[in-house]
Amino acid sequence: MTAERDFELLGQPGDTLFILRALTEPARDWVEDNVSKEGYQPGWPTVVYIEHRYITELLDGIATCGFIVDRG
């Protein structure tokens, strides 16, 4: 049995923009509390566009809170 995914990350190393999808209610709550809505975020908090320079810090924060990220 596998654990439920909380987030899905779309993008590859070298991309300038990543897409982070919150797949669970706790994940959406985490986004609301920890991710800025500033800029173009039409799907916020379910879909978040992240510049490559912020992705490592964001993923570290997600992992620290015990969420599971599928790096699709």
C-alpha atoms as a PDB file:
ATOM      1  CA  MET A   1       0.000   0.000   0.000  1.00  0.00           C
ATOM      2  CA  THR A   2       1.365   3.402  -0.939  1.00  0.00           C
ATOM      3  CA  ALA A   3       0.805   6.678   0.892  1.00  0.00           C
ATOM      4  CA  GLU A   4      -1.480   9.265  -0.623  1.00  0.00           C
ATOM      5  CA  ARG A   5       0.258  12.040  -2.527  1.00  0.00           C
ATOM      6  CA  ASP A   6      -0.278  15.551  -1.215  1.00  0.00           C
ATOM      7  CA  PHE A   7       1.352  17.457  -4.061  1.00  0.00           C
ATOM      8  CA  GLU A   8       2.269  16.914  -7.694  1.00  0.00           C
ATOM      9  CA  LEU A   9       5.234  18.832  -9.106  1.00  0.00           C
ATOM     10  CA  LEU A  10       5.390  19.409 -12.848  1.00  0.00           C
ATOM     11  CA  GLY A  11       8.617  20.593 -14.424  1.00  0.00           C
ATOM     12  CA  GLN A  12      12.126  19.401 -15.121  1.00  0.00           C
ATOM     13  CA  PRO A  13      15.575  20.590 -14.036  1.00  0.00           C
ATOM     14  CA  GLY A  14      16.463  23.531 -16.222  1.00  0.00           C
ATOM     15  CA  ASP A  15      12.865  24.767 -16.553  1.00  0.00           C
ATOM     16  CA  THR A  16      12.270  28.354 -15.546  1.00  0.00           C
ATOM     17  CA  LEU A  17       8.798  27.667 -14.181  1.00  0.00           C
ATOM     18  CA  PHE A  18       7.354  24.780 -12.192  1.00  0.00           C
ATOM     19  CA  ILE A  19       3.731  23.962 -11.466  1.00  0.00           C
ATOM     20  CA  LEU A  20       2.830  22.680  -8.024  1.00  0.00           C
ATOM     21  CA  ARG A  21      -0.600  21.089  -7.599  1.00  0.00           C
ATOM     22  CA  ALA A  22      -2.030  20.648  -4.108  1.00  0.00           C
ATOM     23  CA  LEU A  23      -3.961  17.367  -4.222  1.00  0.00           C
ATOM     24  CA  THR A  24      -5.335  17.222  -0.664  1.00  0.00           C
ATOM     25  CA  GLU A  25      -7.108  19.633   1.630  1.00  0.00           C
ATOM     26  CA  PRO A  26      -4.163  19.748   4.100  1.00  0.00           C
ATOM     27  CA  ALA A  27      -1.853  20.528   1.160  1.00  0.00           C
ATOM     28  CA  ARG A  28      -4.100  23.420   0.048  1.00  0.00           C
ATOM     29  CA  ASP A  29      -4.161  24.704   3.615  1.00  0.00           C
ATOM     30  CA  TRP A  30      -0.346  24.549   3.706  1.00  0.00           C
ATOM     31  CA  VAL A  31      -0.150  26.544   0.462  1.00  0.00           C
ATOM     32  CA  GLU A  32      -2.499  29.191   1.864  1.00  0.00           C
ATOM     33  CA  ASP A  33      -0.342  29.522   4.992  1.00  0.00           C
ATOM     34  CA  ASN A  34       3.124  29.306   3.400  1.00  0.00           C
ATOM     35  CA  VAL A  35       3.078  30.400  -0.244  1.00  0.00           C
ATOM     36  CA  SER A  36       2.614  33.934  -1.520  1.00  0.00           C
ATOM     37  CA  LYS A  37      -0.325  34.556  -3.832  1.00  0.00           C
ATOM     38  CA  GLU A  38       1.632  37.428  -5.375  1.00  0.00           C
ATOM     39  CA  GLY A  39       1.966  37.465  -9.152  1.00  0.00           C
ATOM     40  CA  TYR A  40       0.009  35.408 -11.662  1.00  0.00           C
ATOM     41  CA  GLN A  41      -1.685  32.689  -9.617  1.00  0.00           C
ATOM     42  CA  PRO A  42      -5.114  32.042 -11.189  1.00  0.00           C
ATOM     43  CA  GLY A  43      -5.448  28.552  -9.674  1.00  0.00           C
ATOM     44  CA  TRP A  44      -4.178  29.421  -6.189  1.00  0.00           C
ATOM     45  CA  PRO A  45      -4.133  27.585  -3.764  1.00  0.00           C
ATOM     46  CA  THR A  46      -4.724  24.388  -5.765  1.00  0.00           C
ATOM     47  CA  VAL A  47      -2.294  25.227  -8.580  1.00  0.00           C
ATOM     48  CA  VAL A  48       0.774  27.365  -7.919  1.00  0.00           C
ATOM     49  CA  TYR A  49       3.307  28.618 -10.460  1.00  0.00           C
ATOM     50  CA  ILE A  50       6.810  28.672  -8.950  1.00  0.00           C
ATOM     51  CA  GLU A  51       9.943  30.244 -10.411  1.00  0.00           C
ATOM     52  CA  HIS A  52      12.885  27.835 -10.521  1.00  0.00           C
ATOM     53  CA  ARG A  53      14.901  29.878  -8.034  1.00  0.00           C
ATOM     54  CA  TYR A  54      12.312  29.183  -5.298  1.00  0.00           C
ATOM     55  CA  ILE A  55      11.544  25.512  -5.937  1.00  0.00           C
ATOM     56  CA  THR A  56      14.223  23.964  -3.693  1.00  0.00           C
ATOM     57  CA  GLU A  57      13.245  26.054  -0.682  1.00  0.00           C
ATOM     58  CA  LEU A  58       9.569  25.319  -1.281  1.00  0.00           C
ATOM     59  CA  LEU A  59      10.126  21.555  -1.572  1.00  0.00           C
ATOM     60  CA  ASP A  60      12.253  21.602   1.588  1.00  0.00           C
ATOM     61  CA  GLY A  61       9.393  23.278   3.469  1.00  0.00           C
ATOM     62  CA  ILE A  62       6.880  20.772   2.140  1.00  0.00           C
ATOM     63  CA  ALA A  63       9.097  17.827   3.136  1.00  0.00           C
ATOM     64  CA  THR A  64       9.740  19.274   6.606  1.00  0.00           C
ATOM     65  CA  CYS A  65       5.978  19.229   7.200  1.00  0.00           C
ATOM     66  CA  GLY A  66       5.792  15.554   6.163  1.00  0.00           C
ATOM     67  CA  PHE A  67       3.890  15.955   2.896  1.00  0.00           C
ATOM     68  CA  ILE A  68       4.432  13.609  -0.044  1.00  0.00           C
ATOM     69  CA  VAL A  69       5.318  15.121  -3.426  1.00  0.00           C
ATOM     70  CA  ASP A  70       4.950  13.227  -6.701  1.00  0.00           C
ATOM     71  CA  ARG A  71       7.522  14.642  -9.076  1.00  0.00           C
ATOM     72  CA  GLY A  72       5.509  13.739 -12.179  1.00  0.00           C
END
